[in-house]
Amino acid sequence: MIKVGIIGSTGYAGNEIVRLLTGHPEAEIAWLSSKSFAGEKYQGIYRNYYKLLDMPCTAEGIAELADTVDVIFTATPQGYLSGILNEELLEKCRFIDLSADYRIKDVKTYEKWYKIGHQSPELIAEAVYGLTEVNREDIKHARILANPGCYTTCSILTALPLVKAGIIDPDTLIVNALSGVSGAGRGAKIANLFCEVNESAKAYGVATHRHTPEIEEQLGYAAGRTVTISFTPHLVPMNRGILATETASLKGSHTMEEIRSVYEEFYGKEYFIRILPEGQCPETRFTEGSNFVDIGFQIDERTNRIVMMGALDNLVKGAAGQAVQNMNVMFGFEETDGLRIIPMVP
């Protein structure tokens, strides 16, 4: 049994970590940290925990609490962990960071896209990018785990097998992705009010979204060279979910059977990735509340392009669930511990 601390426990991603760990057989929540709700019991902040979790939130931070746990999840804004993490803290416990502070290896790229300075660039090289299905062996030994974002997880996992196999030209990749409103966080913002998002859909961050370099970097590793893509996110009026529709030019002529064999060879043993039967397209409602990623594809013979589709829950596989999955790998637990959750369908 390990002890866990959660910084930013009252945000949407932090709350999801709490939900998953509450039922985890090998992990015990030692403390919950939240500046906004310091002193308040968790069951009063999220009433779904009534009579299940009456632990009060603390305002104390990592420096005061790192000695008491084996791992700390930081569900915090960009810049928080990089501003305080150091070798002394890393000698006390391991860190799973849900921000982008350690995801991008080139600090100049991070600073350009996130518009902030990185305060501990010397630690970036050590951090392991937490795409579990791709970096499992490195994750086992990680002290700093850079948990991927929701758009990036869906976009990368959907295209990566075909990029790695040389089936598609990654520089022709166009990613259009839809996100539920919870992806914007729990903070009060006018643009996310009910009347602003209901009965509407919009593109945002067009040609400037900060997940773009993360997707490019990871697909570049698969391709063995620098990759440039087009990525456009959209906000749609639903609580949870990411749906990515990706198109790219095929290299040569390929059948549906050949494409499926590439996906199945790459993901065949992966519990959380489901390659759908031919003719089925992923839907966010069939992954909601779960750590699953559903992937489908269709060849457009007229243009010799392929349409790849992926769906996941942005708060689970796109954030907290993948973080718990990575924790399981880091500590040698069953990878599915705390995550054997059937998607919620009304």
Protein backbone atom coordinates (compact mmCIF):
# COMPACT_ATOMS: atom_id res chain seq x y z
CA MET A 1 0.00 0.00 0.00
CA ILE A 2 1.38 3.41 -0.98
CA LYS A 3 0.41 6.82 0.35
CA VAL A 4 -0.68 9.53 -2.07
CA GLY A 5 -1.00 13.30 -1.91
CA ILE A 6 -2.96 15.43 -4.38
CA ILE A 7 -2.21 19.11 -5.03
CA GLY A 8 -5.13 20.84 -6.75
CA SER A 9 -7.55 18.21 -5.51
CA THR A 10 -10.71 20.30 -5.99
CA GLY A 11 -10.35 20.99 -9.71
CA TYR A 12 -12.02 18.67 -12.20
CA ALA A 13 -8.90 16.60 -12.87
CA GLY A 14 -7.94 16.55 -9.18
CA ASN A 15 -11.43 15.42 -8.23
CA GLU A 16 -11.22 12.65 -10.79
CA ILE A 17 -7.96 11.44 -9.27
CA VAL A 18 -9.69 11.35 -5.89
CA ARG A 19 -12.59 9.36 -7.35
CA LEU A 20 -10.32 6.76 -8.91
CA LEU A 21 -8.00 6.41 -5.93
CA THR A 22 -10.88 6.07 -3.47
CA GLY A 23 -11.49 2.63 -4.97
CA HIS A 24 -7.84 1.72 -5.56
CA PRO A 25 -6.70 -1.49 -3.82
CA GLU A 26 -3.06 -0.42 -3.39
CA ALA A 27 -3.22 3.34 -2.76
CA GLU A 28 -4.32 5.40 0.23
CA ILE A 29 -5.00 9.14 0.00
CA ALA A 30 -2.93 10.71 2.79
CA TRP A 31 -3.89 14.33 2.16
CA LEU A 32 -5.73 16.64 -0.21
CA SER A 33 -4.40 20.12 -0.89
CA SER A 34 -6.48 23.06 -2.12
CA LYS A 35 -5.86 26.75 -1.52
CA SER A 36 -9.40 27.68 -2.58
CA PHE A 37 -11.09 25.27 -0.14
CA ALA A 38 -8.55 25.02 2.69
CA GLY A 39 -10.15 23.69 5.87
CA GLU A 40 -13.29 22.47 4.13
CA LYS A 41 -14.18 18.78 4.11
CA TYR A 42 -14.05 17.14 0.72
CA GLN A 43 -17.57 15.75 1.04
CA GLY A 44 -18.85 19.30 1.38
CA ILE A 45 -17.07 20.49 -1.76
CA TYR A 46 -18.18 17.52 -3.86
CA ARG A 47 -21.33 16.13 -2.32
CA ASN A 48 -21.03 12.83 -4.19
CA TYR A 49 -18.47 11.96 -1.47
CA TYR A 50 -21.00 12.42 1.34
CA LYS A 51 -20.29 9.76 4.00
CA LEU A 52 -17.46 8.50 1.78
CA LEU A 53 -14.69 11.07 2.23
CA ASP A 54 -14.81 13.64 5.01
CA MET A 55 -11.09 14.47 4.87
CA PRO A 56 -10.49 18.23 5.11
CA CYS A 57 -8.40 20.00 2.49
CA THR A 58 -5.14 21.56 3.54
CA ALA A 59 -3.49 24.70 2.20
CA GLU A 60 -0.03 23.31 2.87
CA GLY A 61 2.09 22.64 -0.18
CA ILE A 62 4.59 20.14 -1.44
CA ALA A 63 7.51 21.27 0.69
CA GLU A 64 5.61 20.62 3.92
CA LEU A 65 3.95 17.38 2.88
CA ALA A 66 6.36 15.50 0.61
CA ASP A 67 7.84 13.53 3.52
CA THR A 68 4.47 11.91 4.25
CA VAL A 69 3.73 10.23 0.90
CA ASP A 70 5.23 8.03 -1.79
CA VAL A 71 3.84 10.00 -4.73
CA ILE A 72 2.28 13.40 -5.32
CA PHE A 73 -0.16 14.23 -8.10
CA THR A 74 -0.08 17.89 -9.14
CA ALA A 75 -3.30 18.88 -10.90
CA THR A 76 -2.18 22.48 -11.13
CA PRO A 77 -1.72 25.25 -13.70
CA GLN A 78 1.39 25.50 -15.86
CA GLY A 79 4.35 26.89 -13.96
CA TYR A 80 3.42 25.63 -10.49
CA LEU A 81 5.53 22.47 -10.28
CA SER A 82 8.43 23.81 -12.31
CA GLY A 83 8.63 26.70 -9.85
CA ILE A 84 9.17 24.55 -6.76
CA LEU A 85 10.48 21.15 -7.84
CA ASN A 86 14.10 20.39 -6.98
CA GLU A 87 16.42 17.49 -6.18
CA GLU A 88 15.62 17.64 -2.47
CA LEU A 89 11.92 17.03 -3.14
CA LEU A 90 12.67 14.30 -5.67
CA GLU A 91 14.61 12.41 -3.01
CA LYS A 92 11.47 12.32 -0.85
CA CYS A 93 8.82 11.08 -3.29
CA ARG A 94 7.82 10.74 -6.93
CA PHE A 95 5.75 13.25 -8.89
CA ILE A 96 3.00 12.86 -11.47
CA ASP A 97 2.32 16.26 -13.00
CA LEU A 98 -0.85 16.91 -14.99
CA SER A 99 0.37 20.27 -16.29
CA ALA A 100 2.60 20.79 -19.32
CA ASP A 101 5.68 21.81 -17.32
CA TYR A 102 7.75 18.75 -18.21
CA ARG A 103 6.02 17.40 -21.33
CA ILE A 104 8.00 19.28 -23.97
CA LYS A 105 11.73 18.59 -24.10
CA ASP A 106 12.74 21.85 -25.75
CA VAL A 107 12.38 24.59 -23.13
CA LYS A 108 12.27 27.34 -25.77
CA THR A 109 9.31 25.62 -27.43
CA TYR A 110 7.53 25.38 -24.08
CA GLU A 111 8.13 29.04 -23.30
CA LYS A 112 7.03 30.14 -26.77
CA TRP A 113 3.70 28.30 -26.72
CA TYR A 114 2.86 28.70 -23.02
CA LYS A 115 4.07 32.31 -22.69
CA ILE A 116 5.82 31.69 -19.35
CA GLY A 117 9.40 31.08 -18.31
CA HIS A 118 10.40 27.59 -17.20
CA GLN A 119 11.91 27.71 -13.71
CA SER A 120 13.57 24.28 -13.54
CA PRO A 121 14.74 23.46 -17.08
CA GLU A 122 17.51 21.26 -15.68
CA LEU A 123 14.85 18.67 -14.74
CA ILE A 124 13.15 18.45 -18.14
CA ALA A 125 15.53 15.84 -19.54
CA GLU A 126 14.80 13.49 -16.65
CA ALA A 127 11.02 13.71 -16.93
CA VAL A 128 9.25 10.82 -18.67
CA TYR A 129 6.35 11.55 -20.99
CA GLY A 130 3.48 9.53 -19.56
CA LEU A 131 1.85 8.06 -22.63
CA THR A 132 1.61 4.67 -20.98
CA GLU A 133 1.17 2.50 -24.04
CA VAL A 134 4.26 4.02 -25.66
CA ASN A 135 6.69 4.68 -22.79
CA ARG A 136 5.80 1.95 -20.29
CA GLU A 137 9.38 0.78 -19.63
CA ASP A 138 10.68 4.29 -18.94
CA ILE A 139 7.66 5.07 -16.76
CA LYS A 140 8.57 2.24 -14.39
CA HIS A 141 11.63 4.15 -13.18
CA ALA A 142 10.38 7.74 -13.46
CA ARG A 143 10.75 10.23 -10.63
CA ILE A 144 9.02 12.96 -12.67
CA LEU A 145 6.09 11.82 -14.78
CA ALA A 146 4.78 14.35 -17.30
CA ASN A 147 1.19 13.26 -17.77
CA PRO A 148 -0.06 14.07 -21.30
CA GLY A 149 -2.98 16.37 -22.02
CA CYS A 150 -6.41 15.27 -23.22
CA TYR A 151 -6.22 16.51 -26.81
CA THR A 152 -2.69 15.18 -27.12
CA THR A 153 -3.45 11.72 -25.75
CA CYS A 154 -6.32 11.23 -28.17
CA SER A 155 -4.56 12.77 -31.17
CA ILE A 156 -1.28 10.92 -30.68
CA LEU A 157 -2.68 7.47 -29.91
CA THR A 158 -5.02 7.65 -32.89
CA ALA A 159 -2.28 8.36 -35.45
CA LEU A 160 0.94 7.02 -33.92
CA PRO A 161 0.86 3.40 -35.17
CA LEU A 162 0.45 4.53 -38.77
CA VAL A 163 3.15 7.17 -38.42
CA LYS A 164 5.59 4.68 -36.90
CA ALA A 165 4.85 2.10 -39.61
CA GLY A 166 5.38 4.66 -42.37
CA ILE A 167 1.85 4.17 -43.66
CA ILE A 168 0.98 7.88 -43.69
CA ASP A 169 2.84 11.10 -44.41
CA PRO A 170 2.73 12.85 -41.01
CA ASP A 171 3.32 16.28 -42.54
CA THR A 172 -0.09 15.98 -44.22
CA LEU A 173 -1.81 15.23 -40.91
CA ILE A 174 -4.79 17.43 -40.08
CA VAL A 175 -6.36 17.00 -36.64
CA ASN A 176 -9.78 18.41 -35.84
CA ALA A 177 -10.74 17.70 -32.25
CA LEU A 178 -13.83 18.35 -30.12
CA SER A 179 -13.75 18.79 -26.35
CA GLY A 180 -16.33 18.94 -23.60
CA VAL A 181 -16.43 22.06 -21.43
CA SER A 182 -14.77 20.38 -18.43
CA GLY A 183 -11.56 20.45 -20.45
CA ALA A 184 -11.36 24.18 -19.73
CA GLY A 185 -11.15 23.55 -15.97
CA ARG A 186 -13.36 24.45 -13.03
CA GLY A 187 -12.41 28.10 -12.77
CA ALA A 188 -15.17 30.63 -13.45
CA LYS A 189 -14.83 32.03 -16.97
CA ILE A 190 -17.49 33.94 -18.90
CA ALA A 191 -16.74 31.99 -22.09
CA ASN A 192 -17.64 28.73 -20.31
CA LEU A 193 -20.97 29.79 -18.79
CA PHE A 194 -23.98 27.67 -19.74
CA CYS A 195 -25.56 30.36 -21.91
CA GLU A 196 -22.26 30.91 -23.71
CA VAL A 197 -21.69 27.27 -24.70
CA ASN A 198 -25.14 25.66 -24.85
CA GLU A 199 -26.60 25.13 -28.33
CA SER A 200 -23.32 26.22 -29.89
CA ALA A 201 -19.95 24.94 -31.07
CA LYS A 202 -16.81 26.87 -31.85
CA ALA A 203 -13.22 26.51 -32.93
CA TYR A 204 -10.63 28.20 -30.75
CA GLY A 205 -6.87 28.51 -30.53
CA VAL A 206 -6.81 28.20 -34.31
CA ALA A 207 -3.21 27.68 -35.46
CA THR A 208 -2.02 28.67 -31.97
CA HIS A 209 -3.21 25.97 -29.56
CA ARG A 210 -0.47 25.01 -27.11
CA HIS A 211 -1.03 21.27 -27.45
CA THR A 212 0.23 21.46 -31.04
CA PRO A 213 3.98 21.18 -30.27
CA GLU A 214 3.33 18.31 -27.86
CA ILE A 215 1.57 16.31 -30.57
CA GLU A 216 4.28 17.18 -33.10
CA GLU A 217 7.10 16.20 -30.75
CA GLN A 218 5.66 12.79 -29.91
CA LEU A 219 4.71 11.93 -33.49
CA GLY A 220 8.15 13.14 -34.50
CA TYR A 221 9.71 10.48 -32.25
CA ALA A 222 7.56 7.87 -34.01
CA ALA A 223 8.50 9.17 -37.46
CA GLY A 224 12.18 9.57 -36.61
CA ARG A 225 12.20 13.18 -37.79
CA THR A 226 10.62 16.56 -37.22
CA VAL A 227 6.88 16.59 -37.94
CA THR A 228 4.57 19.54 -38.62
CA ILE A 229 0.78 19.12 -38.36
CA SER A 230 -2.37 21.22 -38.44
CA PHE A 231 -4.37 21.07 -35.21
CA THR A 232 -7.70 22.78 -34.58
CA PRO A 233 -9.61 22.30 -31.30
CA HIS A 234 -13.34 22.90 -30.90
CA LEU A 235 -15.50 23.44 -27.84
CA VAL A 236 -18.84 21.63 -27.88
CA PRO A 237 -21.69 21.71 -25.32
CA MET A 238 -21.07 18.49 -23.41
CA ASN A 239 -19.51 17.90 -20.00
CA ARG A 240 -16.87 15.31 -20.91
CA GLY A 241 -15.16 13.83 -23.89
CA ILE A 242 -12.64 14.28 -26.68
CA LEU A 243 -13.33 13.27 -30.27
CA ALA A 244 -10.45 13.62 -32.71
CA THR A 245 -10.96 13.26 -36.45
CA GLU A 246 -7.61 13.09 -38.23
CA THR A 247 -6.83 12.88 -41.93
CA ALA A 248 -3.53 12.22 -43.70
CA SER A 249 -2.22 11.12 -47.07
CA LEU A 250 -1.40 7.44 -47.42
CA LYS A 251 2.02 6.41 -48.67
CA GLY A 252 1.15 4.03 -51.47
CA SER A 253 -2.01 1.94 -51.67
CA HIS A 254 -3.29 0.12 -48.59
CA THR A 255 -6.34 -1.96 -47.77
CA MET A 256 -8.50 -1.74 -44.68
CA GLU A 257 -7.14 -5.12 -43.61
CA GLU A 258 -3.55 -3.88 -43.84
CA ILE A 259 -4.35 -0.80 -41.77
CA ARG A 260 -6.16 -2.87 -39.15
CA SER A 261 -3.21 -5.24 -38.86
CA VAL A 262 -0.92 -2.28 -38.08
CA TYR A 263 -3.22 -1.06 -35.31
CA GLU A 264 -3.72 -4.53 -33.87
CA GLU A 265 -0.02 -5.31 -33.88
CA PHE A 266 0.69 -2.06 -32.03
CA TYR A 267 -2.23 -2.11 -29.58
CA GLY A 268 -3.29 -5.75 -29.56
CA LYS A 269 -2.26 -6.35 -25.94
CA GLU A 270 -3.39 -2.96 -24.62
CA TYR A 271 -6.38 -3.25 -22.30
CA PHE A 272 -7.41 0.39 -22.55
CA ILE A 273 -7.27 0.81 -26.33
CA ARG A 274 -10.13 -0.61 -28.37
CA ILE A 275 -9.85 -0.83 -32.15
CA LEU A 276 -13.45 -0.77 -33.34
CA PRO A 277 -14.92 -3.13 -35.96
CA GLU A 278 -14.92 -1.92 -39.55
CA GLY A 279 -17.69 0.59 -40.21
CA GLN A 280 -17.96 1.77 -36.60
CA CYS A 281 -16.97 5.29 -35.65
CA PRO A 282 -15.92 6.22 -32.10
CA GLU A 283 -18.42 8.10 -29.95
CA THR A 284 -17.55 9.97 -26.78
CA ARG A 285 -20.54 8.53 -24.91
CA PHE A 286 -19.08 5.03 -25.16
CA THR A 287 -15.91 6.06 -23.31
CA GLU A 288 -17.45 8.42 -20.73
CA GLY A 289 -16.24 7.87 -17.19
CA SER A 290 -13.69 5.26 -18.29
CA ASN A 291 -10.01 5.00 -19.15
CA PHE A 292 -10.70 3.55 -22.60
CA VAL A 293 -9.69 4.99 -25.97
CA ASP A 294 -11.82 3.93 -28.93
CA ILE A 295 -10.20 4.13 -32.37
CA GLY A 296 -11.73 3.72 -35.81
CA PHE A 297 -10.60 4.48 -39.35
CA GLN A 298 -11.77 4.64 -42.95
CA ILE A 299 -9.80 4.85 -46.19
CA ASP A 300 -10.91 7.53 -48.64
CA GLU A 301 -9.96 5.82 -51.91
CA ARG A 302 -10.93 8.87 -53.95
CA THR A 303 -8.22 11.02 -52.35
CA ASN A 304 -5.89 8.23 -51.15
CA ARG A 305 -6.20 9.67 -47.66
CA ILE A 306 -7.14 7.95 -44.43
CA VAL A 307 -9.60 9.22 -41.86
CA MET A 308 -8.58 8.19 -38.33
CA MET A 309 -10.94 8.75 -35.39
CA GLY A 310 -10.35 8.55 -31.66
CA ALA A 311 -12.57 9.14 -28.62
CA LEU A 312 -11.83 9.26 -24.89
CA ASP A 313 -12.97 10.87 -21.66
CA ASN A 314 -10.88 14.01 -21.24
CA LEU A 315 -10.93 13.77 -17.43
CA VAL A 316 -10.04 10.08 -17.26
CA LYS A 317 -7.74 8.76 -20.01
CA GLY A 318 -7.09 12.39 -20.94
CA ALA A 319 -5.98 13.32 -17.41
CA ALA A 320 -6.62 11.53 -14.10
CA GLY A 321 -7.10 7.99 -15.38
CA GLN A 322 -3.89 8.02 -17.36
CA ALA A 323 -2.15 9.51 -14.30
CA VAL A 324 -3.38 6.61 -12.14
CA GLN A 325 -2.43 4.14 -14.88
CA ASN A 326 1.06 5.62 -14.83
CA MET A 327 1.18 5.42 -11.04
CA ASN A 328 0.33 1.73 -11.29
CA VAL A 329 3.23 1.18 -13.68
CA MET A 330 5.62 3.23 -11.54
CA PHE A 331 4.91 1.18 -8.41
CA GLY A 332 4.54 -2.25 -10.00
CA PHE A 333 0.79 -2.63 -9.48
CA GLU A 334 -1.63 -4.17 -11.94
CA GLU A 335 -2.00 -1.51 -14.63
CA THR A 336 -5.79 -1.69 -14.43
CA ASP A 337 -6.01 -1.24 -10.64
CA GLY A 338 -8.63 1.38 -9.82
CA LEU A 339 -9.48 1.72 -13.51
CA ARG A 340 -11.68 -1.27 -14.33
CA ILE A 341 -14.62 1.02 -14.98
CA ILE A 342 -17.25 0.34 -17.62
CA PRO A 343 -18.12 3.51 -19.58
CA MET A 344 -21.30 5.25 -18.43
CA VAL A 345 -24.08 5.23 -21.01
CA PRO A 346 -27.51 6.72 -20.22
